[in-house]
Amino acid sequence: MLDTLDAAAVRRWCAGGLVALKRHQGEIDHLNVYPVPDGDTGTNLVLTLTSAQQALAMELDPLPEDGPTPHGRALRLMARGALLGARGNSGVILAQILRGFADALAAVPVVRGRALAAALRAAASAAYAAVAAPVEGTLLSVATAAARAAERAGRDELGTVARAAADEAAQALGRTPQQLPALARARVVDAGGRGLCLLLDALVEVVTGERPARPELTGRSSHPPADDARESRWSTYAYEVQYLLDAEPAAVARLREELGALGDSLAVVGDGAVGTWNVHVHVDDVGAAIEAGVVAGRPHRIVVTRFADLPRPPASPGPDPAPDRRAAVVVATGVGIVELCTAAEATVLEDISSADELLTAVRATGAAHVVVLPNDPDTQAMANDAARAASLLGVKVSVVPTRSPVQALAALAVRDPGRRFEDDVIAMAEAAGACRYAEVCRASRAALTVAGPCRPGDVLALVDGEVHLIGVDLLDTCTAVVDRMLGGGGELVTLLVGADAPAGLTEAVREHVVHSWPFVEVQVYQGGQPHHPLLVGVE
């Protein structure tokens, strides 16, 4: 049991809170129906706190108005990192909560129970001040309830106050559907409030050494409520605009008024030290929202999301997915690759053009837990969108960012339904990440690459997406790229033969590996993929 909250405890709190958010990321995404039902609150909170932890780990130079105490500095760094990495409405509000918390405790010599209560009150007040139109039944209500309970405790024992705040936050979370009709209709509690409860429970665990016992949440949303335009993703405002802004407070005050007239879900938070602000708003006129930032100061790291581009959950959600069933969905092309993935009990899509198609395939599995292997950066973006939409239907989708079919095969090889789904996804991701990949193809036009200029017809060998070798002879280039990859270590080489590979190519490559690298195992499969005579994986 800790008597005070020191710098080491702050770091453990940040790390523990991030672990908890990652563990419940899919669940929180699934709860997300307000203010916009885009199923990304859990993801946004994870990204925001990840940035906070990175700021703590990097030990940045002292900031202006940095805390005079070690714990004050740690809290300032945590808040600063959250501000710079805040994503979405929930992430912006969380960043302001951490800012209020840090401001209240930075100069306090010893942080005990009453100081913690004052910090929670400051955090809740800062969160309300950041939002242009505060709504009850959200993260704001949960933060206020936690602060009120901490103050009522009237004690200086740190653990007692932390427990009181976390317990009341959990109770307040359960009341959110009574306060916000959108939550009641969807039969869920507030997603942002759920995230805050996890952070408060993580604080209790750091202080007391015991994790609070909480009942598992049940219930899921069916589809976005249609009778309230301001709660429907496809009504009223079409875009989410978010950017960092370097500006003076007076200019930001004018910016709030201008953006408030342009849209809703407006949240503007700052660090009060170096004049950096995080601006979030939903609007129709993207240009006007960005131009307002230009007038106020220097906007940067601008992100614009068009809600219509996100996959729309179907009007009829269909039957509930089987809670004990898992599935894998792979996006790949080539007769042999499809057969290999199918043999590994995966659903294979050979050609998709939208997140909606991928969402349909995920739902067709009938599973409540689905892992998606996209095998391409563009497809990965669609997979992430489909995962957010699937969460609204009670399906937890984890996207393993594979960039080549050889990585997908490595991931499927370690898949184990006997593990917890989350642990299985981690094992698959580790296997995919440990598999370096190469692809050999012919240049269709002249170009300047990182390996030098190439001409039409040249043989290109790309390793992990970058051109490493340019050759004239196909076999020589294939053996050279395998040698280069094995030079960095490896025990297993997988060769996928393309549809247009000349006869004898892979036999020659295999024989080269056997003679040049006698302790390396070689597996050869007929992949049938177009455009690439050979795909190589090294594990």
Protein backbone atom coordinates (compact mmCIF):
# COMPACT_ATOMS: atom_id res chain seq x y z
CA MET A 1 0.00 0.00 0.00
CA LEU A 2 1.50 3.35 -1.08
CA ASP A 3 1.27 6.32 1.24
CA THR A 4 2.03 8.83 -1.50
CA LEU A 5 1.90 9.06 -5.29
CA ASP A 6 5.50 9.44 -6.42
CA ALA A 7 7.06 9.59 -9.90
CA ALA A 8 7.56 5.82 -10.07
CA ALA A 9 3.90 5.29 -9.20
CA VAL A 10 2.85 7.73 -11.94
CA ARG A 11 4.84 5.73 -14.48
CA ARG A 12 3.33 2.44 -13.29
CA TRP A 13 -0.12 3.99 -13.44
CA CYS A 14 0.37 5.09 -17.05
CA ALA A 15 1.72 1.68 -18.06
CA GLY A 16 -0.99 -0.22 -16.17
CA GLY A 17 -3.73 2.00 -17.57
CA LEU A 18 -2.48 1.41 -21.10
CA VAL A 19 -2.44 -2.35 -20.58
CA ALA A 20 -6.03 -2.22 -19.29
CA LEU A 21 -7.21 -0.10 -22.22
CA LYS A 22 -5.55 -2.42 -24.72
CA ARG A 23 -7.14 -5.42 -23.01
CA HIS A 24 -10.59 -3.85 -23.30
CA GLN A 25 -10.04 -1.91 -26.54
CA GLY A 26 -12.50 -3.97 -28.60
CA GLU A 27 -15.11 -3.87 -25.85
CA ILE A 28 -14.92 -0.07 -25.63
CA ASP A 29 -15.04 0.28 -29.42
CA HIS A 30 -18.19 -1.84 -29.32
CA LEU A 31 -19.80 0.46 -26.74
CA ASN A 32 -19.18 3.58 -28.84
CA VAL A 33 -22.54 4.98 -30.02
CA TYR A 34 -22.26 8.61 -28.89
CA PRO A 35 -21.60 11.29 -30.07
CA VAL A 36 -20.82 9.44 -33.31
CA PRO A 37 -21.29 5.66 -33.57
CA ASP A 38 -18.02 4.97 -35.38
CA GLY A 39 -16.74 2.29 -33.02
CA ASP A 40 -13.32 3.80 -32.33
CA THR A 41 -13.37 5.14 -28.76
CA GLY A 42 -11.28 2.27 -27.39
CA THR A 43 -8.78 2.69 -30.20
CA ASN A 44 -8.59 6.44 -29.65
CA LEU A 45 -8.03 6.07 -25.91
CA VAL A 46 -5.29 3.51 -26.49
CA LEU A 47 -3.53 5.77 -29.00
CA THR A 48 -3.83 8.75 -26.65
CA LEU A 49 -2.37 6.95 -23.63
CA THR A 50 0.30 5.32 -25.80
CA SER A 51 1.50 8.81 -26.67
CA ALA A 52 1.49 9.69 -22.96
CA GLN A 53 3.62 6.66 -22.11
CA GLN A 54 6.04 7.44 -24.93
CA ALA A 55 6.49 10.96 -23.58
CA LEU A 56 7.31 9.51 -20.16
CA ALA A 57 9.76 7.02 -21.67
CA MET A 58 11.56 9.62 -23.78
CA GLU A 59 12.32 11.88 -20.78
CA LEU A 60 11.95 15.10 -22.76
CA ASP A 61 13.81 18.25 -21.80
CA PRO A 62 12.07 20.28 -19.08
CA LEU A 63 8.95 22.02 -20.31
CA PRO A 64 8.00 25.58 -19.38
CA GLU A 65 6.09 25.53 -16.09
CA ASP A 66 7.35 21.98 -15.52
CA GLY A 67 6.47 20.53 -12.12
CA PRO A 68 9.00 21.35 -9.38
CA THR A 69 8.63 17.82 -7.96
CA PRO A 70 9.60 14.48 -9.58
CA HIS A 71 5.99 13.33 -9.61
CA GLY A 72 4.98 16.73 -11.01
CA ARG A 73 7.39 16.36 -13.91
CA ALA A 74 6.14 12.85 -14.62
CA LEU A 75 2.51 14.02 -14.61
CA ARG A 76 3.35 16.97 -16.85
CA LEU A 77 5.09 14.70 -19.34
CA MET A 78 2.18 12.28 -19.27
CA ALA A 79 -0.32 15.09 -19.91
CA ARG A 80 1.85 16.63 -22.63
CA GLY A 81 2.20 13.32 -24.44
CA ALA A 82 -1.55 12.70 -24.26
CA LEU A 83 -2.22 16.17 -25.67
CA LEU A 84 0.07 15.66 -28.66
CA GLY A 85 -1.27 12.19 -29.40
CA ALA A 86 -4.96 12.66 -28.51
CA ARG A 87 -7.31 11.02 -31.01
CA GLY A 88 -11.00 11.65 -31.36
CA ASN A 89 -13.37 13.34 -28.96
CA SER A 90 -12.66 10.91 -26.11
CA GLY A 91 -8.90 11.17 -26.49
CA VAL A 92 -9.00 14.97 -26.41
CA ILE A 93 -11.09 14.97 -23.22
CA LEU A 94 -8.80 12.39 -21.59
CA ALA A 95 -5.81 14.58 -22.39
CA GLN A 96 -7.49 17.50 -20.62
CA ILE A 97 -8.31 15.32 -17.60
CA LEU A 98 -4.64 14.42 -17.31
CA ARG A 99 -3.72 18.08 -17.72
CA GLY A 100 -6.03 19.12 -14.87
CA PHE A 101 -4.68 16.28 -12.73
CA ALA A 102 -1.09 17.34 -13.39
CA ASP A 103 -1.76 21.04 -12.75
CA ALA A 104 -3.26 20.27 -9.35
CA LEU A 105 -0.45 17.98 -8.16
CA ALA A 106 2.69 19.32 -9.83
CA ALA A 107 3.69 21.56 -6.91
CA VAL A 108 2.26 19.46 -4.08
CA PRO A 109 5.24 18.16 -2.06
CA VAL A 110 3.56 14.94 -0.92
CA VAL A 111 0.50 13.51 -2.69
CA ARG A 112 -1.89 11.89 -0.22
CA GLY A 113 -5.64 11.34 -0.17
CA ARG A 114 -6.88 14.93 0.07
CA ALA A 115 -4.46 16.08 -2.62
CA LEU A 116 -5.69 13.25 -4.86
CA ALA A 117 -9.30 14.35 -4.29
CA ALA A 118 -8.42 17.93 -5.23
CA ALA A 119 -6.65 16.69 -8.37
CA LEU A 120 -9.66 14.64 -9.45
CA ARG A 121 -11.88 17.70 -8.99
CA ALA A 122 -9.47 19.81 -11.07
CA ALA A 123 -9.41 17.11 -13.75
CA ALA A 124 -13.20 16.98 -13.99
CA SER A 125 -13.45 20.78 -14.14
CA ALA A 126 -10.81 20.95 -16.87
CA ALA A 127 -12.67 18.33 -18.91
CA TYR A 128 -15.94 20.29 -18.72
CA ALA A 129 -14.13 23.48 -19.72
CA ALA A 130 -12.66 21.80 -22.81
CA VAL A 131 -16.02 20.82 -24.28
CA ALA A 132 -18.12 23.48 -25.97
CA ALA A 133 -21.44 21.76 -25.17
CA PRO A 134 -21.04 19.34 -22.22
CA VAL A 135 -23.46 16.40 -22.18
CA GLU A 136 -24.35 14.36 -19.11
CA GLY A 137 -24.15 10.59 -19.35
CA THR A 138 -20.66 10.73 -20.84
CA LEU A 139 -17.08 10.57 -19.64
CA LEU A 140 -17.67 13.99 -18.05
CA SER A 141 -20.31 12.62 -15.68
CA VAL A 142 -18.08 9.73 -14.67
CA ALA A 143 -15.16 12.08 -13.96
CA THR A 144 -17.36 14.32 -11.82
CA ALA A 145 -18.74 11.40 -9.84
CA ALA A 146 -15.21 10.16 -9.12
CA ALA A 147 -14.16 13.60 -7.88
CA ARG A 148 -17.25 13.94 -5.71
CA ALA A 149 -16.68 10.55 -4.05
CA ALA A 150 -13.01 11.34 -3.42
CA GLU A 151 -13.97 14.59 -1.70
CA ARG A 152 -16.66 12.87 0.37
CA ALA A 153 -14.11 10.36 1.62
CA GLY A 154 -12.51 13.20 3.60
CA ARG A 155 -9.44 11.10 4.34
CA ASP A 156 -5.74 11.44 3.73
CA GLU A 157 -5.14 7.72 3.14
CA LEU A 158 -4.29 7.54 -0.53
CA GLY A 159 -5.71 4.04 -1.05
CA THR A 160 -9.03 4.88 0.62
CA VAL A 161 -9.57 7.92 -1.59
CA ALA A 162 -8.49 6.14 -4.78
CA ARG A 163 -10.87 3.26 -4.06
CA ALA A 164 -13.76 5.62 -3.31
CA ALA A 165 -13.22 7.47 -6.59
CA ALA A 166 -12.96 4.30 -8.68
CA ASP A 167 -15.99 2.65 -7.04
CA GLU A 168 -18.20 5.69 -7.57
CA ALA A 169 -16.97 6.05 -11.15
CA ALA A 170 -18.12 2.48 -11.81
CA GLN A 171 -21.52 3.27 -10.32
CA ALA A 172 -21.77 6.46 -12.39
CA LEU A 173 -20.89 4.50 -15.53
CA GLY A 174 -23.86 2.22 -14.86
CA ARG A 175 -26.13 5.28 -14.66
CA THR A 176 -25.07 6.74 -18.02
CA PRO A 177 -27.88 5.05 -20.02
CA GLN A 178 -30.39 6.80 -17.73
CA GLN A 179 -28.82 10.15 -18.58
CA LEU A 180 -28.29 9.77 -22.33
CA PRO A 181 -31.08 8.35 -24.54
CA ALA A 182 -28.66 7.17 -27.24
CA LEU A 183 -27.06 4.80 -24.74
CA ALA A 184 -30.40 3.54 -23.46
CA ARG A 185 -31.61 2.75 -26.97
CA ALA A 186 -28.39 0.90 -27.79
CA ARG A 187 -28.38 -0.90 -24.41
CA VAL A 188 -24.80 0.15 -23.60
CA VAL A 189 -22.93 2.35 -21.13
CA ASP A 190 -20.78 5.27 -22.26
CA ALA A 191 -17.59 4.16 -24.01
CA GLY A 192 -15.41 7.06 -22.83
CA GLY A 193 -16.65 6.63 -19.28
CA ARG A 194 -15.73 2.96 -19.44
CA GLY A 195 -12.20 3.91 -20.43
CA LEU A 196 -11.90 6.36 -17.52
CA CYS A 197 -13.08 3.67 -15.09
CA LEU A 198 -10.29 1.39 -16.31
CA LEU A 199 -7.73 4.14 -15.67
CA LEU A 200 -9.04 4.75 -12.17
CA ASP A 201 -8.98 1.03 -11.42
CA ALA A 202 -5.37 0.96 -12.66
CA LEU A 203 -4.58 3.76 -10.20
CA VAL A 204 -6.14 1.77 -7.37
CA GLU A 205 -4.05 -1.25 -8.32
CA VAL A 206 -0.84 0.81 -8.29
CA VAL A 207 -1.65 2.37 -4.92
CA THR A 208 -3.06 -0.68 -3.11
CA GLY A 209 -1.55 -3.59 -4.99
CA GLU A 210 -5.04 -5.02 -5.58
CA ARG A 211 -7.11 -4.89 -8.75
CA PRO A 212 -10.73 -3.90 -8.05
CA ALA A 213 -13.25 -6.65 -8.84
CA ARG A 214 -15.79 -5.43 -11.38
CA PRO A 215 -18.64 -7.34 -13.07
CA GLU A 216 -18.24 -7.94 -16.78
CA LEU A 217 -20.23 -5.60 -18.99
CA THR A 218 -22.98 -7.13 -21.11
CA GLY A 219 -25.26 -5.83 -23.81
CA ARG A 220 -24.40 -4.55 -27.24
CA SER A 221 -25.65 -1.95 -29.68
CA SER A 222 -27.68 -3.17 -32.62
CA HIS A 223 -27.42 -0.30 -35.08
CA PRO A 224 -27.15 3.49 -34.85
CA PRO A 225 -30.38 5.06 -33.55
CA ALA A 226 -32.24 6.71 -36.40
CA ASP A 227 -34.59 9.07 -34.59
CA ASP A 228 -32.02 11.61 -33.43
CA ALA A 229 -30.07 13.27 -36.22
CA ARG A 230 -27.32 14.45 -33.90
CA GLU A 231 -26.64 10.87 -32.84
CA SER A 232 -26.42 9.40 -36.33
CA ARG A 233 -23.10 9.19 -38.12
CA TRP A 234 -24.67 9.78 -41.51
CA SER A 235 -26.73 12.84 -40.57
CA THR A 236 -26.02 16.51 -39.95
CA TYR A 237 -22.22 16.85 -40.10
CA ALA A 238 -20.17 14.92 -42.63
CA TYR A 239 -16.59 15.26 -41.41
CA GLU A 240 -14.43 14.96 -38.32
CA VAL A 241 -11.56 17.46 -38.34
CA GLN A 242 -8.71 17.29 -35.85
CA TYR A 243 -5.38 19.10 -35.70
CA LEU A 244 -2.67 20.37 -33.41
CA LEU A 245 -2.46 24.15 -33.19
CA ASP A 246 0.30 26.47 -32.04
CA ALA A 247 -1.49 29.65 -30.93
CA GLU A 248 -1.99 32.20 -28.17
CA PRO A 249 -4.90 31.76 -25.71
CA ALA A 250 -6.73 34.86 -26.99
CA ALA A 251 -6.68 33.52 -30.55
CA VAL A 252 -7.91 30.13 -29.35
CA ALA A 253 -10.86 31.76 -27.59
CA ARG A 254 -11.92 33.31 -30.91
CA LEU A 255 -11.35 29.97 -32.65
CA ARG A 256 -13.73 28.24 -30.22
CA GLU A 257 -16.50 30.67 -31.13
CA GLU A 258 -15.93 30.26 -34.87
CA LEU A 259 -15.77 26.47 -34.80
CA GLY A 260 -18.78 26.34 -32.48
CA ALA A 261 -20.80 28.07 -35.18
CA LEU A 262 -19.53 25.67 -37.86
CA GLY A 263 -20.31 22.32 -36.21
CA ASP A 264 -20.56 20.30 -33.01
CA SER A 265 -18.59 17.86 -30.83
CA LEU A 266 -16.14 20.71 -30.38
CA ALA A 267 -13.30 20.12 -27.92
CA VAL A 268 -10.20 22.29 -27.66
CA VAL A 269 -7.52 21.45 -25.11
CA GLY A 270 -4.08 22.90 -24.44
CA ASP A 271 -1.05 22.45 -22.22
CA GLY A 272 -0.90 26.02 -20.93
CA ALA A 273 2.87 25.92 -21.25
CA VAL A 274 4.13 26.16 -24.81
CA GLY A 275 0.93 27.24 -26.55
CA THR A 276 0.07 23.90 -28.15
CA TRP A 277 -3.60 22.96 -28.51
CA ASN A 278 -5.47 19.93 -29.79
CA VAL A 279 -8.59 20.87 -31.75
CA HIS A 280 -11.44 18.45 -32.53
CA VAL A 281 -14.76 19.27 -34.27
CA HIS A 282 -17.43 17.75 -36.51
CA VAL A 283 -18.31 19.97 -39.49
CA ASP A 284 -19.55 20.05 -43.06
CA ASP A 285 -17.09 22.70 -44.24
CA VAL A 286 -13.61 21.21 -43.76
CA GLY A 287 -11.92 24.16 -45.43
CA ALA A 288 -13.53 26.65 -43.08
CA ALA A 289 -12.51 24.62 -40.01
CA ILE A 290 -8.89 24.46 -41.13
CA GLU A 291 -8.85 28.09 -42.27
CA ALA A 292 -10.06 29.13 -38.82
CA GLY A 293 -7.02 27.34 -37.40
CA VAL A 294 -4.72 29.14 -39.84
CA VAL A 295 -6.12 32.49 -38.71
CA ALA A 296 -5.65 31.53 -35.05
CA GLY A 297 -2.09 30.21 -35.38
CA ARG A 298 -0.23 27.33 -37.01
CA PRO A 299 -2.26 24.15 -37.49
CA HIS A 300 -0.34 20.94 -38.14
CA ARG A 301 -0.86 17.18 -38.07
CA ILE A 302 -4.27 17.73 -39.68
CA VAL A 303 -6.55 14.66 -39.89
CA VAL A 304 -9.89 14.71 -41.74
CA THR A 305 -12.31 11.76 -41.65
CA ARG A 306 -15.42 11.58 -43.83
CA PHE A 307 -18.02 9.62 -41.90
CA ALA A 308 -19.63 8.31 -45.08
CA ASP A 309 -16.37 6.52 -45.94
CA LEU A 310 -16.63 4.42 -42.79
CA PRO A 311 -18.54 1.17 -43.26
CA ARG A 312 -22.20 1.53 -42.33
CA PRO A 313 -23.52 -1.22 -40.06
CA PRO A 314 -26.39 -2.98 -41.82
CA ALA A 315 -29.94 -1.90 -41.01
CA SER A 316 -30.61 -5.38 -39.70
CA PRO A 317 -27.80 -6.67 -37.50
CA GLY A 318 -28.75 -10.29 -37.98
CA PRO A 319 -28.36 -12.98 -35.32
CA ASP A 320 -25.90 -12.58 -32.50
CA PRO A 321 -22.48 -14.04 -33.33
CA ALA A 322 -21.60 -17.26 -31.55
CA PRO A 323 -19.62 -16.20 -28.46
CA ASP A 324 -17.45 -19.35 -28.43
CA ARG A 325 -16.65 -19.31 -32.13
CA ARG A 326 -13.53 -17.85 -33.74
CA ALA A 327 -12.61 -17.26 -37.34
CA ALA A 328 -9.82 -15.91 -39.52
CA VAL A 329 -10.33 -13.89 -42.70
CA VAL A 330 -7.45 -13.56 -45.17
CA VAL A 331 -7.25 -11.28 -48.21
CA ALA A 332 -5.05 -12.99 -50.81
CA THR A 333 -4.83 -13.82 -54.51
CA GLY A 334 -3.58 -17.01 -56.15
CA VAL A 335 -5.08 -20.48 -56.39
CA GLY A 336 -2.36 -22.11 -54.32
CA ILE A 337 -2.34 -19.42 -51.65
CA VAL A 338 -6.11 -19.67 -51.33
CA GLU A 339 -5.83 -23.45 -50.88
CA LEU A 340 -3.12 -23.07 -48.23
CA CYS A 341 -5.16 -20.57 -46.23
CA THR A 342 -8.34 -22.58 -46.60
CA ALA A 343 -6.50 -25.66 -45.34
CA ALA A 344 -5.62 -23.60 -42.27
CA GLU A 345 -9.37 -23.09 -41.72
CA ALA A 346 -9.40 -19.45 -42.82
CA THR A 347 -11.95 -17.66 -44.97
CA VAL A 348 -10.22 -16.20 -48.04
CA LEU A 349 -11.24 -13.15 -50.04
CA GLU A 350 -9.44 -12.90 -53.36
CA ASP A 351 -10.54 -9.43 -54.34
CA ILE A 352 -12.20 -6.68 -52.31
CA SER A 353 -12.76 -3.01 -53.06
CA SER A 354 -14.35 -1.70 -49.86
CA ALA A 355 -14.56 -2.13 -46.11
CA ASP A 356 -18.22 -3.11 -46.52
CA GLU A 357 -17.23 -6.24 -48.46
CA LEU A 358 -14.79 -7.19 -45.74
CA LEU A 359 -17.42 -6.51 -43.07
CA THR A 360 -19.84 -8.81 -44.89
CA ALA A 361 -17.24 -11.58 -44.91
CA VAL A 362 -16.56 -11.10 -41.20
CA ARG A 363 -20.27 -11.34 -40.37
CA ALA A 364 -20.67 -14.38 -42.60
CA THR A 365 -18.28 -16.35 -40.38
CA GLY A 366 -20.86 -16.21 -37.58
CA ALA A 367 -18.00 -15.84 -35.07
CA ALA A 368 -17.79 -13.39 -32.20
CA HIS A 369 -13.97 -13.18 -32.46
CA VAL A 370 -12.36 -12.73 -35.87
CA VAL A 371 -8.76 -12.05 -36.87
CA VAL A 372 -8.16 -10.38 -40.25
CA LEU A 373 -4.93 -10.76 -42.24
CA PRO A 374 -4.98 -8.05 -44.96
CA ASN A 375 -1.59 -8.65 -46.68
CA ASP A 376 -1.52 -5.12 -48.09
CA PRO A 377 -1.34 -1.60 -46.57
CA ASP A 378 -4.41 -0.35 -48.50
CA THR A 379 -6.42 -3.40 -47.52
CA GLN A 380 -5.29 -2.91 -43.91
CA ALA A 381 -6.96 0.51 -43.85
CA MET A 382 -10.21 -1.09 -45.05
CA ALA A 383 -9.80 -3.85 -42.48
CA ASN A 384 -9.47 -1.29 -39.67
CA ASP A 385 -12.69 0.42 -40.82
CA ALA A 386 -14.49 -2.92 -41.04
CA ALA A 387 -13.28 -3.81 -37.53
CA ARG A 388 -14.80 -0.63 -36.11
CA ALA A 389 -18.13 -1.33 -37.80
CA ALA A 390 -18.10 -4.97 -36.68
CA SER A 391 -17.66 -3.89 -33.07
CA LEU A 392 -21.06 -2.19 -33.26
CA LEU A 393 -22.54 -5.59 -34.08
CA GLY A 394 -20.91 -7.36 -31.15
CA VAL A 395 -18.05 -8.88 -33.18
CA LYS A 396 -14.51 -8.35 -31.92
CA VAL A 397 -12.18 -8.04 -34.89
CA SER A 398 -8.40 -7.85 -34.52
CA VAL A 399 -6.35 -6.86 -37.56
CA VAL A 400 -2.87 -8.39 -37.75
CA PRO A 401 -0.97 -6.04 -40.09
CA THR A 402 0.43 -8.61 -42.53
CA ARG A 403 1.90 -7.20 -45.73
CA SER A 404 2.53 -10.43 -47.66
CA PRO A 405 0.90 -13.86 -47.97
CA VAL A 406 4.04 -15.47 -46.49
CA GLN A 407 3.42 -13.47 -43.29
CA ALA A 408 -0.21 -14.59 -43.27
CA LEU A 409 0.87 -18.23 -43.55
CA ALA A 410 3.32 -17.73 -40.68
CA ALA A 411 0.53 -16.25 -38.55
CA LEU A 412 -1.93 -19.02 -39.39
CA ALA A 413 0.70 -21.66 -38.53
CA VAL A 414 0.73 -20.61 -34.86
CA ARG A 415 -3.01 -20.07 -34.53
CA ASP A 416 -4.35 -21.95 -31.50
CA PRO A 417 -8.07 -21.90 -30.59
CA GLY A 418 -7.14 -23.25 -27.17
CA ARG A 419 -5.62 -19.90 -26.17
CA ARG A 420 -7.48 -16.77 -25.14
CA PHE A 421 -8.38 -14.86 -28.30
CA GLU A 422 -6.24 -11.88 -27.29
CA ASP A 423 -3.24 -14.11 -26.61
CA ASP A 424 -3.77 -15.91 -29.90
CA VAL A 425 -3.80 -12.61 -31.80
CA ILE A 426 -0.56 -11.56 -30.09
CA ALA A 427 1.09 -14.88 -31.04
CA MET A 428 -0.07 -14.50 -34.65
CA ALA A 429 1.17 -10.92 -34.81
CA GLU A 430 4.55 -11.93 -33.39
CA ALA A 431 4.87 -14.74 -35.92
CA ALA A 432 3.97 -12.43 -38.79
CA GLY A 433 6.36 -9.76 -37.57
CA ALA A 434 9.19 -12.28 -37.27
CA CYS A 435 8.72 -13.28 -40.92
CA ARG A 436 10.70 -11.05 -43.28
CA TYR A 437 9.30 -11.09 -46.79
CA ALA A 438 10.49 -10.42 -50.31
CA GLU A 439 8.77 -10.27 -53.68
CA VAL A 440 10.36 -10.60 -57.09
CA CYS A 441 8.78 -9.00 -60.15
CA ARG A 442 9.64 -7.27 -63.43
CA ALA A 443 9.64 -3.50 -63.81
CA SER A 444 6.87 -2.24 -66.08
CA ARG A 445 8.44 1.19 -66.60
CA ALA A 446 11.58 3.17 -65.99
CA ALA A 447 11.90 4.51 -62.46
CA LEU A 448 14.37 5.71 -59.86
CA THR A 449 14.39 3.39 -56.83
CA VAL A 450 16.35 3.33 -53.58
CA ALA A 451 18.57 0.69 -55.23
CA GLY A 452 19.17 2.85 -58.30
CA PRO A 453 17.44 3.41 -61.65
CA CYS A 454 15.57 0.58 -63.33
CA ARG A 455 14.35 0.06 -66.89
CA PRO A 456 11.28 -1.73 -68.23
CA GLY A 457 11.86 -5.48 -68.05
CA ASP A 458 14.45 -5.35 -65.25
CA VAL A 459 14.01 -7.85 -62.44
CA LEU A 460 13.26 -6.15 -59.12
CA ALA A 461 13.64 -7.78 -55.70
CA LEU A 462 11.78 -5.96 -52.95
CA VAL A 463 12.47 -6.76 -49.29
CA ASP A 464 9.85 -5.60 -46.79
CA GLY A 465 8.38 -3.34 -49.47
CA GLU A 466 11.61 -1.60 -50.56
CA VAL A 467 13.59 -2.30 -53.75
CA HIS A 468 16.88 -3.91 -52.67
CA LEU A 469 18.16 -5.46 -55.91
CA ILE A 470 17.85 -4.72 -59.62
CA GLY A 471 18.91 -7.47 -61.99
CA VAL A 472 18.59 -8.81 -65.50
CA ASP A 473 18.40 -12.55 -64.89
CA LEU A 474 15.41 -13.81 -62.89
CA LEU A 475 17.16 -16.78 -61.25
CA ASP A 476 20.24 -14.78 -60.28
CA THR A 477 18.10 -12.09 -58.69
CA CYS A 478 15.99 -14.64 -56.80
CA THR A 479 19.03 -16.40 -55.33
CA ALA A 480 20.70 -13.08 -54.53
CA VAL A 481 17.71 -11.79 -52.57
CA VAL A 482 17.43 -15.05 -50.61
CA ASP A 483 21.14 -14.81 -49.74
CA ARG A 484 20.71 -11.22 -48.63
CA MET A 485 17.78 -12.11 -46.39
CA LEU A 486 19.50 -15.15 -44.85
CA GLY A 487 22.56 -13.02 -44.20
CA GLY A 488 20.54 -11.42 -41.43
CA GLY A 489 19.69 -14.81 -39.92
CA GLY A 490 16.91 -17.31 -40.42
CA GLU A 491 16.00 -20.96 -39.98
CA LEU A 492 13.10 -21.42 -42.40
CA VAL A 493 12.66 -20.19 -45.98
CA THR A 494 9.20 -20.32 -47.59
CA LEU A 495 8.96 -19.99 -51.38
CA LEU A 496 5.62 -19.26 -53.08
CA VAL A 497 5.77 -19.91 -56.82
CA GLY A 498 3.89 -17.43 -59.00
CA ALA A 499 1.54 -18.19 -61.87
CA ASP A 500 4.02 -16.92 -64.46
CA ALA A 501 7.19 -18.40 -62.95
CA PRO A 502 9.31 -20.25 -65.54
CA ALA A 503 9.74 -23.98 -65.16
CA GLY A 504 12.53 -24.99 -62.83
CA LEU A 505 12.89 -21.60 -61.10
CA THR A 506 11.99 -22.68 -57.58
CA GLU A 507 13.84 -25.98 -57.87
CA ALA A 508 16.97 -24.01 -58.71
CA VAL A 509 16.41 -21.57 -55.83
CA ARG A 510 15.76 -24.43 -53.43
CA GLU A 511 18.91 -26.25 -54.52
CA HIS A 512 20.91 -23.05 -54.05
CA VAL A 513 19.66 -22.67 -50.49
CA VAL A 514 20.33 -26.31 -49.64
CA HIS A 515 23.95 -26.05 -50.79
CA SER A 516 24.71 -22.51 -49.58
CA TRP A 517 22.76 -22.62 -46.31
CA PRO A 518 22.77 -26.29 -45.19
CA PHE A 519 21.14 -25.64 -41.81
CA VAL A 520 18.15 -23.77 -43.25
CA GLU A 521 14.88 -25.58 -43.94
CA VAL A 522 13.14 -24.81 -47.25
CA GLN A 523 9.42 -25.11 -47.98
CA VAL A 524 8.08 -24.66 -51.53
CA TYR A 525 4.42 -24.14 -52.42
CA GLN A 526 2.62 -23.39 -55.66
CA GLY A 527 1.14 -20.01 -54.78
CA GLY A 528 -0.28 -19.13 -58.18
CA GLN A 529 -0.09 -15.40 -57.44
CA PRO A 530 -0.04 -13.04 -60.43
CA HIS A 531 2.72 -10.50 -61.22
CA HIS A 532 5.27 -12.02 -58.81
CA PRO A 533 7.12 -15.13 -60.04
CA LEU A 534 8.41 -15.66 -56.51
CA LEU A 535 7.43 -14.62 -52.99
CA VAL A 536 9.94 -15.35 -50.23
CA GLY A 537 9.50 -15.57 -46.49
CA VAL A 538 12.34 -15.97 -43.98
CA GLU A 539 11.70 -16.86 -40.36
